[in-house]
C-alpha atoms as a PDB file:
ATOM      1  CA  MET A   1      -1.608 -20.698 -29.993  1.00  0.00           C
ATOM      2  CA  LYS A   2      -1.518 -23.478 -27.143  1.00  0.00           C
ATOM      3  CA  THR A   3       2.278 -23.770 -27.375  1.00  0.00           C
ATOM      4  CA  LEU A   4       2.778 -19.841 -26.893  1.00  0.00           C
ATOM      5  CA  ASN A   5       0.267 -20.021 -23.860  1.00  0.00           C
ATOM      6  CA  LEU A   6       2.510 -23.044 -22.601  1.00  0.00           C
ATOM      7  CA  LEU A   7       5.674 -20.899 -23.028  1.00  0.00           C
ATOM      8  CA  ARG A   8       4.354 -18.199 -21.350  1.00  0.00           C
ATOM      9  CA  TYR A   9       3.009 -20.074 -18.214  1.00  0.00           C
ATOM     10  CA  GLY A  10       6.516 -21.892 -18.139  1.00  0.00           C
ATOM     11  CA  THR A  11       8.490 -18.509 -18.138  1.00  0.00           C
ATOM     12  CA  ILE A  12       6.172 -16.790 -15.679  1.00  0.00           C
ATOM     13  CA  SER A  13       6.493 -20.108 -13.204  1.00  0.00           C
ATOM     14  CA  LEU A  14      10.319 -20.116 -13.766  1.00  0.00           C
ATOM     15  CA  TYR A  15      10.512 -16.400 -12.860  1.00  0.00           C
ATOM     16  CA  LEU A  16       8.459 -16.889  -9.813  1.00  0.00           C
ATOM     17  CA  VAL A  17      10.180 -19.874  -8.613  1.00  0.00           C
ATOM     18  CA  LEU A  18      13.493 -17.791  -8.815  1.00  0.00           C
ATOM     19  CA  VAL A  19      11.884 -14.761  -6.929  1.00  0.00           C
ATOM     20  CA  ILE A  20      10.384 -16.580  -3.988  1.00  0.00           C
ATOM     21  CA  PHE A  21      13.672 -18.714  -3.708  1.00  0.00           C
ATOM     22  CA  GLY A  22      15.652 -15.895  -3.580  1.00  0.00           C
ATOM     23  CA  ILE A  23      13.465 -14.009  -0.967  1.00  0.00           C
ATOM     24  CA  LEU A  24      13.478 -17.257   1.035  1.00  0.00           C
ATOM     25  CA  PHE A  25      17.002 -18.163   1.041  1.00  0.00           C
ATOM     26  CA  LYS A  26      19.120 -14.821   0.507  1.00  0.00           C
ATOM     27  CA  PRO A  27      19.134 -11.987   2.703  1.00  0.00           C
ATOM     28  CA  ALA A  28      18.276  -8.397   1.456  1.00  0.00           C
ATOM     29  CA  PRO A  29      21.034  -6.837  -0.678  1.00  0.00           C
ATOM     30  CA  THR A  30      21.846  -3.958   1.528  1.00  0.00           C
ATOM     31  CA  ASP A  31      25.329  -4.696   2.432  1.00  0.00           C
ATOM     32  CA  LEU A  32      28.425  -3.956   0.446  1.00  0.00           C
ATOM     33  CA  ASN A  33      31.515  -6.459  -0.127  1.00  0.00           C
ATOM     34  CA  LEU A  34      33.999  -4.734  -2.090  1.00  0.00           C
ATOM     35  CA  LYS A  35      36.203  -7.724  -1.680  1.00  0.00           C
ATOM     36  CA  GLU A  36      34.029  -9.611  -3.909  1.00  0.00           C
ATOM     37  CA  SER A  37      33.342  -6.988  -6.706  1.00  0.00           C
ATOM     38  CA  PHE A  38      32.300  -8.600 -10.139  1.00  0.00           C
ATOM     39  CA  LEU A  39      32.389 -12.019  -9.007  1.00  0.00           C
ATOM     40  CA  PRO A  40      30.975 -14.178 -11.628  1.00  0.00           C
ATOM     41  CA  PRO A  41      28.214 -16.740 -11.476  1.00  0.00           C
ATOM     42  CA  SER A  42      29.062 -19.519  -9.423  1.00  0.00           C
ATOM     43  CA  PHE A  43      27.182 -22.319  -7.206  1.00  0.00           C
ATOM     44  CA  ASP A  44      26.720 -19.763  -3.984  1.00  0.00           C
ATOM     45  CA  PHE A  45      25.906 -17.066  -6.424  1.00  0.00           C
ATOM     46  CA  PRO A  46      24.326 -18.269  -9.325  1.00  0.00           C
ATOM     47  CA  PHE A  47      23.525 -14.720 -10.929  1.00  0.00           C
ATOM     48  CA  GLY A  48      27.101 -13.334  -9.708  1.00  0.00           C
ATOM     49  CA  LYS A  49      27.949 -10.212  -7.972  1.00  0.00           C
ATOM     50  CA  ASP A  50      28.130  -6.703  -9.062  1.00  0.00           C
ATOM     51  CA  ARG A  51      30.871  -4.044  -8.433  1.00  0.00           C
ATOM     52  CA  LEU A  52      29.827  -3.389  -4.711  1.00  0.00           C
ATOM     53  CA  GLY A  53      30.136  -6.902  -4.210  1.00  0.00           C
ATOM     54  CA  ARG A  54      26.110  -7.383  -3.750  1.00  0.00           C
ATOM     55  CA  ASP A  55      24.326 -10.702  -4.851  1.00  0.00           C
ATOM     56  CA  VAL A  56      23.013 -10.036  -8.176  1.00  0.00           C
ATOM     57  CA  PHE A  57      20.558 -12.900  -7.308  1.00  0.00           C
ATOM     58  CA  SER A  58      19.425 -11.408  -4.276  1.00  0.00           C
ATOM     59  CA  MET A  59      18.637  -7.816  -6.030  1.00  0.00           C
ATOM     60  CA  PHE A  60      16.687  -9.666  -8.860  1.00  0.00           C
ATOM     61  CA  ALA A  61      14.519 -11.254  -5.997  1.00  0.00           C
ATOM     62  CA  TYR A  62      14.044  -8.529  -3.783  1.00  0.00           C
ATOM     63  CA  GLY A  63      14.138  -5.742  -6.327  1.00  0.00           C
ATOM     64  CA  SER A  64      10.837  -7.673  -8.051  1.00  0.00           C
ATOM     65  CA  LEU A  65       9.241  -7.893  -4.480  1.00  0.00           C
ATOM     66  CA  ALA A  66       9.643  -4.260  -3.905  1.00  0.00           C
ATOM     67  CA  THR A  67       8.244  -3.075  -7.274  1.00  0.00           C
ATOM     68  CA  PHE A  68       5.300  -5.159  -6.798  1.00  0.00           C
ATOM     69  CA  LEU A  69       4.629  -4.143  -3.347  1.00  0.00           C
ATOM     70  CA  PHE A  70       4.636  -0.581  -4.524  1.00  0.00           C
ATOM     71  CA  ALA A  71       2.932  -1.061  -8.074  1.00  0.00           C
ATOM     72  CA  PHE A  72       0.062  -2.915  -6.845  1.00  0.00           C
ATOM     73  CA  PRO A  73      -1.438  -0.861  -3.950  1.00  0.00           C
ATOM     74  CA  ALA A  74      -0.578   2.309  -6.361  1.00  0.00           C
ATOM     75  CA  ARG A  75      -2.712   0.829  -8.965  1.00  0.00           C
ATOM     76  CA  VAL A  76      -5.514  -0.143  -6.549  1.00  0.00           C
ATOM     77  CA  PHE A  77      -5.825   3.561  -4.978  1.00  0.00           C
ATOM     78  CA  THR A  78      -5.781   4.944  -8.603  1.00  0.00           C
ATOM     79  CA  LEU A  79      -8.708   2.823  -9.659  1.00  0.00           C
ATOM     80  CA  ALA A  80     -10.218   3.535  -6.135  1.00  0.00           C
ATOM     81  CA  VAL A  81      -9.780   7.497  -7.019  1.00  0.00           C
ATOM     82  CA  ALA A  82     -11.302   6.822 -10.646  1.00  0.00           C
ATOM     83  CA  SER A  83     -14.166   5.262  -9.450  1.00  0.00           C
ATOM     84  CA  LEU A  84     -14.956   7.774  -6.616  1.00  0.00           C
ATOM     85  CA  ILE A  85     -14.836  10.318  -9.372  1.00  0.00           C
ATOM     86  CA  GLY A  86     -17.208   8.221 -11.656  1.00  0.00           C
ATOM     87  CA  LEU A  87     -19.611   7.862  -9.136  1.00  0.00           C
ATOM     88  CA  ALA A  88     -19.273  11.753  -8.130  1.00  0.00           C
ATOM     89  CA  SER A  89     -20.133  12.331 -11.922  1.00  0.00           C
ATOM     90  CA  TYR A  90     -23.027   9.979 -12.318  1.00  0.00           C
ATOM     91  CA  THR A  91     -24.775  11.661  -9.008  1.00  0.00           C
ATOM     92  CA  SER A  92     -24.068  14.974 -10.210  1.00  0.00           C
ATOM     93  CA  PRO A  93     -23.936  15.830 -13.899  1.00  0.00           C
ATOM     94  CA  PHE A  94     -23.188  19.373 -13.364  1.00  0.00           C
ATOM     95  CA  PHE A  95     -19.763  18.658 -11.704  1.00  0.00           C
ATOM     96  CA  LYS A  96     -19.088  16.096 -14.324  1.00  0.00           C
ATOM     97  CA  LYS A  97     -19.765  18.442 -17.118  1.00  0.00           C
ATOM     98  CA  ASN A  98     -18.116  21.768 -15.535  1.00  0.00           C
ATOM     99  CA  VAL A  99     -15.191  20.001 -13.492  1.00  0.00           C
ATOM    100  CA  PHE A 100     -14.325  16.417 -13.769  1.00  0.00           C
ATOM    101  CA  SER A 101     -14.835  16.311 -17.735  1.00  0.00           C
ATOM    102  CA  PRO A 102     -12.148  19.148 -18.257  1.00  0.00           C
ATOM    103  CA  LEU A 103      -9.950  18.020 -15.606  1.00  0.00           C
ATOM    104  CA  SER A 104      -9.570  14.417 -16.988  1.00  0.00           C
ATOM    105  CA  SER A 105      -9.103  15.743 -20.043  1.00  0.00           C
ATOM    106  CA  VAL A 106      -6.186  18.084 -18.978  1.00  0.00           C
ATOM    107  CA  PHE A 107      -4.542  15.133 -17.268  1.00  0.00           C
ATOM    108  CA  VAL A 108      -5.239  12.821 -20.075  1.00  0.00           C
ATOM    109  CA  SER A 109      -3.477  15.152 -22.849  1.00  0.00           C
ATOM    110  CA  LEU A 110      -0.142  15.096 -20.363  1.00  0.00           C
ATOM    111  CA  PRO A 111       2.331  12.161 -20.662  1.00  0.00           C
ATOM    112  CA  SER A 112       1.739  10.356 -17.402  1.00  0.00           C
ATOM    113  CA  LEU A 113       5.731   9.937 -17.157  1.00  0.00           C
ATOM    114  CA  LEU A 114       6.236  13.729 -17.555  1.00  0.00           C
ATOM    115  CA  LEU A 115       3.345  14.578 -14.739  1.00  0.00           C
ATOM    116  CA  ALA A 116       4.862  12.104 -12.306  1.00  0.00           C
ATOM    117  CA  LEU A 117       8.226  13.509 -12.953  1.00  0.00           C
ATOM    118  CA  LEU A 118       6.874  16.892 -12.261  1.00  0.00           C
ATOM    119  CA  VAL A 119       5.271  15.776  -8.981  1.00  0.00           C
ATOM    120  CA  VAL A 120       8.486  14.447  -7.639  1.00  0.00           C
ATOM    121  CA  GLN A 121      10.049  17.155  -8.421  1.00  0.00           C
ATOM    122  CA  VAL A 122       7.904  19.632  -6.443  1.00  0.00           C
ATOM    123  CA  PHE A 123       7.459  17.210  -3.447  1.00  0.00           C
ATOM    124  CA  GLY A 124      10.801  15.247  -3.640  1.00  0.00           C
ATOM    125  CA  ALA A 125      11.804  11.699  -3.987  1.00  0.00           C
ATOM    126  CA  GLY A 126      10.185   9.733  -0.870  1.00  0.00           C
ATOM    127  CA  PRO A 127       7.694   6.946  -1.366  1.00  0.00           C
ATOM    128  CA  ILE A 128       4.610   9.261  -0.603  1.00  0.00           C
ATOM    129  CA  PRO A 129       5.475  11.704  -3.775  1.00  0.00           C
ATOM    130  CA  LEU A 130       6.329   8.561  -5.917  1.00  0.00           C
ATOM    131  CA  PHE A 131       2.940   6.989  -4.790  1.00  0.00           C
ATOM    132  CA  LEU A 132       1.348  10.244  -5.547  1.00  0.00           C
ATOM    133  CA  ALA A 133       3.116  10.673  -8.935  1.00  0.00           C
ATOM    134  CA  ILE A 134       1.604   7.197  -9.961  1.00  0.00           C
ATOM    135  CA  VAL A 135      -1.667   8.196  -9.090  1.00  0.00           C
ATOM    136  CA  LEU A 136      -1.945  11.522 -10.652  1.00  0.00           C
ATOM    137  CA  GLY A 137      -0.444  10.565 -13.759  1.00  0.00           C
ATOM    138  CA  ASP A 138      -2.716   7.250 -14.396  1.00  0.00           C
ATOM    139  CA  TRP A 139      -6.373   8.460 -12.463  1.00  0.00           C
ATOM    140  CA  ALA A 140      -7.630   9.925 -15.681  1.00  0.00           C
ATOM    141  CA  GLN A 141      -7.420   7.109 -18.128  1.00  0.00           C
ATOM    142  CA  ALA A 142      -9.025   4.921 -15.622  1.00  0.00           C
ATOM    143  CA  TYR A 143     -11.664   7.519 -15.125  1.00  0.00           C
ATOM    144  CA  GLU A 144     -12.528   7.985 -18.470  1.00  0.00           C
ATOM    145  CA  THR A 145     -12.891   4.327 -18.930  1.00  0.00           C
ATOM    146  CA  VAL A 146     -15.074   3.795 -15.685  1.00  0.00           C
ATOM    147  CA  ARG A 147     -17.351   6.630 -16.742  1.00  0.00           C
ATOM    148  CA  ALA A 148     -17.778   5.002 -20.083  1.00  0.00           C
ATOM    149  CA  LYS A 149     -18.943   1.934 -18.387  1.00  0.00           C
ATOM    150  CA  ILE A 150     -21.194   3.805 -15.834  1.00  0.00           C
ATOM    151  CA  ASP A 151     -22.688   5.870 -18.885  1.00  0.00           C
ATOM    152  CA  GLU A 152     -23.577   2.597 -20.681  1.00  0.00           C
ATOM    153  CA  VAL A 153     -25.088   0.808 -18.119  1.00  0.00           C
ATOM    154  CA  SER A 154     -27.356   4.077 -16.950  1.00  0.00           C
ATOM    155  CA  THR A 155     -28.791   3.981 -19.958  1.00  0.00           C
ATOM    156  CA  SER A 156     -29.579   0.143 -20.483  1.00  0.00           C
ATOM    157  CA  GLY A 157     -33.156  -0.978 -20.227  1.00  0.00           C
ATOM    158  CA  TYR A 158     -32.938  -2.400 -16.611  1.00  0.00           C
ATOM    159  CA  ALA A 159     -31.102   0.708 -15.142  1.00  0.00           C
ATOM    160  CA  LEU A 160     -34.011   2.814 -17.070  1.00  0.00           C
ATOM    161  CA  ALA A 161     -36.558   0.461 -16.079  1.00  0.00           C
ATOM    162  CA  ALA A 162     -35.815   0.811 -12.259  1.00  0.00           C
ATOM    163  CA  SER A 163     -35.577   4.555 -12.561  1.00  0.00           C
ATOM    164  CA  CYS A 164     -39.099   4.684 -14.299  1.00  0.00           C
ATOM    165  CA  PHE A 165     -40.307   2.510 -10.935  1.00  0.00           C
ATOM    166  CA  GLY A 166     -38.947   5.312  -8.332  1.00  0.00           C
ATOM    167  CA  ALA A 167     -35.348   3.765  -7.553  1.00  0.00           C
ATOM    168  CA  SER A 168     -32.984   6.294  -6.194  1.00  0.00           C
ATOM    169  CA  LYS A 169     -29.578   6.495  -7.951  1.00  0.00           C
ATOM    170  CA  SER A 170     -27.953   5.186  -4.984  1.00  0.00           C
ATOM    171  CA  TYR A 171     -29.953   1.796  -5.734  1.00  0.00           C
ATOM    172  CA  ILE A 172     -29.242   2.113  -8.974  1.00  0.00           C
ATOM    173  CA  PHE A 173     -25.696   2.407  -8.427  1.00  0.00           C
ATOM    174  CA  ARG A 174     -25.752  -0.426  -6.048  1.00  0.00           C
ATOM    175  CA  ALA A 175     -27.720  -2.800  -7.686  1.00  0.00           C
ATOM    176  CA  HIS A 176     -26.762  -2.332 -11.562  1.00  0.00           C
ATOM    177  CA  LEU A 177     -23.687   0.086 -11.831  1.00  0.00           C
ATOM    178  CA  LEU A 178     -21.327  -1.253  -9.404  1.00  0.00           C
ATOM    179  CA  PRO A 179     -21.538  -5.099 -10.479  1.00  0.00           C
ATOM    180  CA  GLN A 180     -20.713  -3.866 -14.015  1.00  0.00           C
ATOM    181  CA  ALA A 181     -17.802  -1.496 -12.526  1.00  0.00           C
ATOM    182  CA  PHE A 182     -16.032  -4.377 -10.625  1.00  0.00           C
ATOM    183  CA  GLN A 183     -15.867  -6.127 -13.923  1.00  0.00           C
ATOM    184  CA  ILE A 184     -14.254  -3.498 -16.040  1.00  0.00           C
ATOM    185  CA  LEU A 185     -11.915  -2.423 -12.793  1.00  0.00           C
ATOM    186  CA  ARG A 186     -10.724  -5.900 -12.743  1.00  0.00           C
ATOM    187  CA  VAL A 187      -9.339  -5.653 -16.333  1.00  0.00           C
ATOM    188  CA  LEU A 188      -7.992  -2.192 -15.849  1.00  0.00           C
ATOM    189  CA  LEU A 189      -6.018  -3.750 -12.619  1.00  0.00           C
ATOM    190  CA  PHE A 190      -4.403  -5.904 -14.366  1.00  0.00           C
ATOM    191  CA  THR A 191      -3.892  -3.903 -17.623  1.00  0.00           C
ATOM    192  CA  GLY A 192      -2.318  -1.262 -15.894  1.00  0.00           C
ATOM    193  CA  LEU A 193      -0.353  -2.846 -13.480  1.00  0.00           C
ATOM    194  CA  PRO A 194       2.640  -3.518 -16.341  1.00  0.00           C
ATOM    195  CA  ALA A 195       2.695   0.219 -16.961  1.00  0.00           C
ATOM    196  CA  VAL A 196       2.936   1.172 -13.499  1.00  0.00           C
ATOM    197  CA  VAL A 197       5.909  -1.509 -13.157  1.00  0.00           C
ATOM    198  CA  MET A 198       7.587   0.088 -16.025  1.00  0.00           C
ATOM    199  CA  THR A 199       6.839   3.510 -14.613  1.00  0.00           C
ATOM    200  CA  LEU A 200       8.818   2.437 -11.431  1.00  0.00           C
ATOM    201  CA  ALA A 201      11.611   1.114 -13.212  1.00  0.00           C
ATOM    202  CA  ILE A 202      12.241   4.726 -15.453  1.00  0.00           C
ATOM    203  CA  PHE A 203      11.928   6.185 -12.129  1.00  0.00           C
ATOM    204  CA  GLY A 204      14.637   3.632 -10.565  1.00  0.00           C
ATOM    205  CA  PHE A 205      16.711   4.199 -13.511  1.00  0.00           C
ATOM    206  CA  LEU A 206      16.694   8.077 -12.760  1.00  0.00           C
ATOM    207  CA  GLY A 207      17.640   7.517  -9.381  1.00  0.00           C
ATOM    208  CA  ILE A 208      14.143   7.993  -7.653  1.00  0.00           C
ATOM    209  CA  SER A 209      13.221   4.783  -5.819  1.00  0.00           C
ATOM    210  CA  ALA A 210      11.521   3.893  -2.312  1.00  0.00           C
ATOM    211  CA  GLY A 211      12.343   0.734  -0.077  1.00  0.00           C
ATOM    212  CA  GLY A 212      15.990   0.688  -0.468  1.00  0.00           C
ATOM    213  CA  GLU A 213      17.017   0.794   3.129  1.00  0.00           C
ATOM    214  CA  VAL A 214      14.931  -2.633   3.247  1.00  0.00           C
ATOM    215  CA  PHE A 215      14.852  -4.199  -0.020  1.00  0.00           C
ATOM    216  CA  GLY A 216      18.129  -3.084  -1.551  1.00  0.00           C
ATOM    217  CA  PRO A 217      17.859  -1.241  -5.031  1.00  0.00           C
ATOM    218  CA  GLY A 218      15.437  -1.491  -7.306  1.00  0.00           C
ATOM    219  CA  LEU A 219      15.290  -3.179 -10.645  1.00  0.00           C
ATOM    220  CA  GLY A 220      15.503  -0.027 -12.586  1.00  0.00           C
ATOM    221  CA  GLU A 221      18.356   1.472 -10.129  1.00  0.00           C
ATOM    222  CA  GLN A 222      20.114  -1.500 -10.840  1.00  0.00           C
ATOM    223  CA  ILE A 223      20.147  -1.404 -14.505  1.00  0.00           C
ATOM    224  CA  ALA A 224      21.442   2.408 -14.125  1.00  0.00           C
ATOM    225  CA  PHE A 225      24.256   1.307 -11.778  1.00  0.00           C
ATOM    226  CA  SER A 226      25.397  -1.492 -14.067  1.00  0.00           C
ATOM    227  CA  LYS A 227      25.485  -0.107 -17.415  1.00  0.00           C
ATOM    228  CA  ASP A 228      28.667   1.876 -16.800  1.00  0.00           C
ATOM    229  CA  TYR A 229      30.503  -1.295 -16.338  1.00  0.00           C
ATOM    230  CA  ALA A 230      28.529  -3.808 -18.446  1.00  0.00           C
ATOM    231  CA  GLN A 231      31.422  -5.310 -19.981  1.00  0.00           C
ATOM    232  CA  ASN A 232      33.260  -6.384 -16.671  1.00  0.00           C
ATOM    233  CA  ALA A 233      29.885  -7.890 -15.176  1.00  0.00           C
ATOM    234  CA  PRO A 234      27.287  -8.413 -17.975  1.00  0.00           C
ATOM    235  CA  TRP A 235      25.403 -10.488 -15.645  1.00  0.00           C
ATOM    236  CA  SER A 236      24.543  -7.599 -13.352  1.00  0.00           C
ATOM    237  CA  LEU A 237      22.904  -6.055 -16.370  1.00  0.00           C
ATOM    238  CA  VAL A 238      21.026  -8.938 -17.761  1.00  0.00           C
ATOM    239  CA  PHE A 239      19.393 -10.304 -14.943  1.00  0.00           C
ATOM    240  CA  PRO A 240      17.441  -6.858 -13.692  1.00  0.00           C
ATOM    241  CA  THR A 241      16.112  -6.415 -17.043  1.00  0.00           C
ATOM    242  CA  LEU A 242      15.036 -10.232 -16.982  1.00  0.00           C
ATOM    243  CA  GLY A 243      13.297  -9.346 -13.582  1.00  0.00           C
ATOM    244  CA  ILE A 244      11.195  -6.123 -15.389  1.00  0.00           C
ATOM    245  CA  LEU A 245      10.268  -8.577 -18.050  1.00  0.00           C
ATOM    246  CA  GLY A 246       9.227 -11.362 -15.855  1.00  0.00           C
ATOM    247  CA  LEU A 247       7.214  -9.180 -13.646  1.00  0.00           C
ATOM    248  CA  VAL A 248       5.523  -7.343 -16.575  1.00  0.00           C
ATOM    249  CA  MET A 249       4.693 -10.514 -17.904  1.00  0.00           C
ATOM    250  CA  THR A 250       3.584 -12.042 -14.158  1.00  0.00           C
ATOM    251  CA  VAL A 251       1.096  -9.273 -13.355  1.00  0.00           C
ATOM    252  CA  GLY A 252      -0.446  -8.330 -16.617  1.00  0.00           C
ATOM    253  CA  GLY A 253      -3.168 -10.966 -16.519  1.00  0.00           C
ATOM    254  CA  LYS A 254      -4.352 -13.463 -19.166  1.00  0.00           C
ATOM    255  CA  ARG A 255      -4.438 -11.828 -22.817  1.00  0.00           C
ATOM    256  CA  SER A 256      -7.543 -13.491 -24.862  1.00  0.00           C
END
């Protein structure tokens, strides 16, 4: 177990060093240079170049950064929405029974990727629809977990005692439910981030991405573009794949 942990932390450290180095010392891969198409790995370009003459190392680093900068706030906002709905369910049993529970059941039954694709199809492929697609695809699962924790804590001895002594629901929520909710939200943040990263990679593979004008193509978009000429430049397919794996391992948090 100790050896596996060392291997994991070593892999994450190497990945982070490569990403930081690429961001600090490489420009964003937004320019094309067809004269250097399929340039093999070298000292100046350790990951080589793709068919359009873009530095694969730069695309690896900036693609990882762009994915994280989009995935993290999307996951935080998803948890915020789930928490607010959980609070509304706690304060209003009527809405919990007749609105939120049936609605979450419908969203949970739908595959999150399918729901996200429907949202993008309706609203377009910009950053805001993509952000909305991730939130709508994941809020129900997060809400069910948060609601279960709130129900558990609200029926605990100290919460019932506070209620018997005349404490309001707002006080019980602040003093008892909220601290427990923060613990479960932290777990949901790090366990859900890898799924968001993979969703963004799938969207990029399908040609739906955001931030290409600033950071260049996303990791999934790089894979989709490179798969047709993998025999001529296998490095352009391997390194974005490793970038996705490295980012998933990094944001996934510690597993006990």
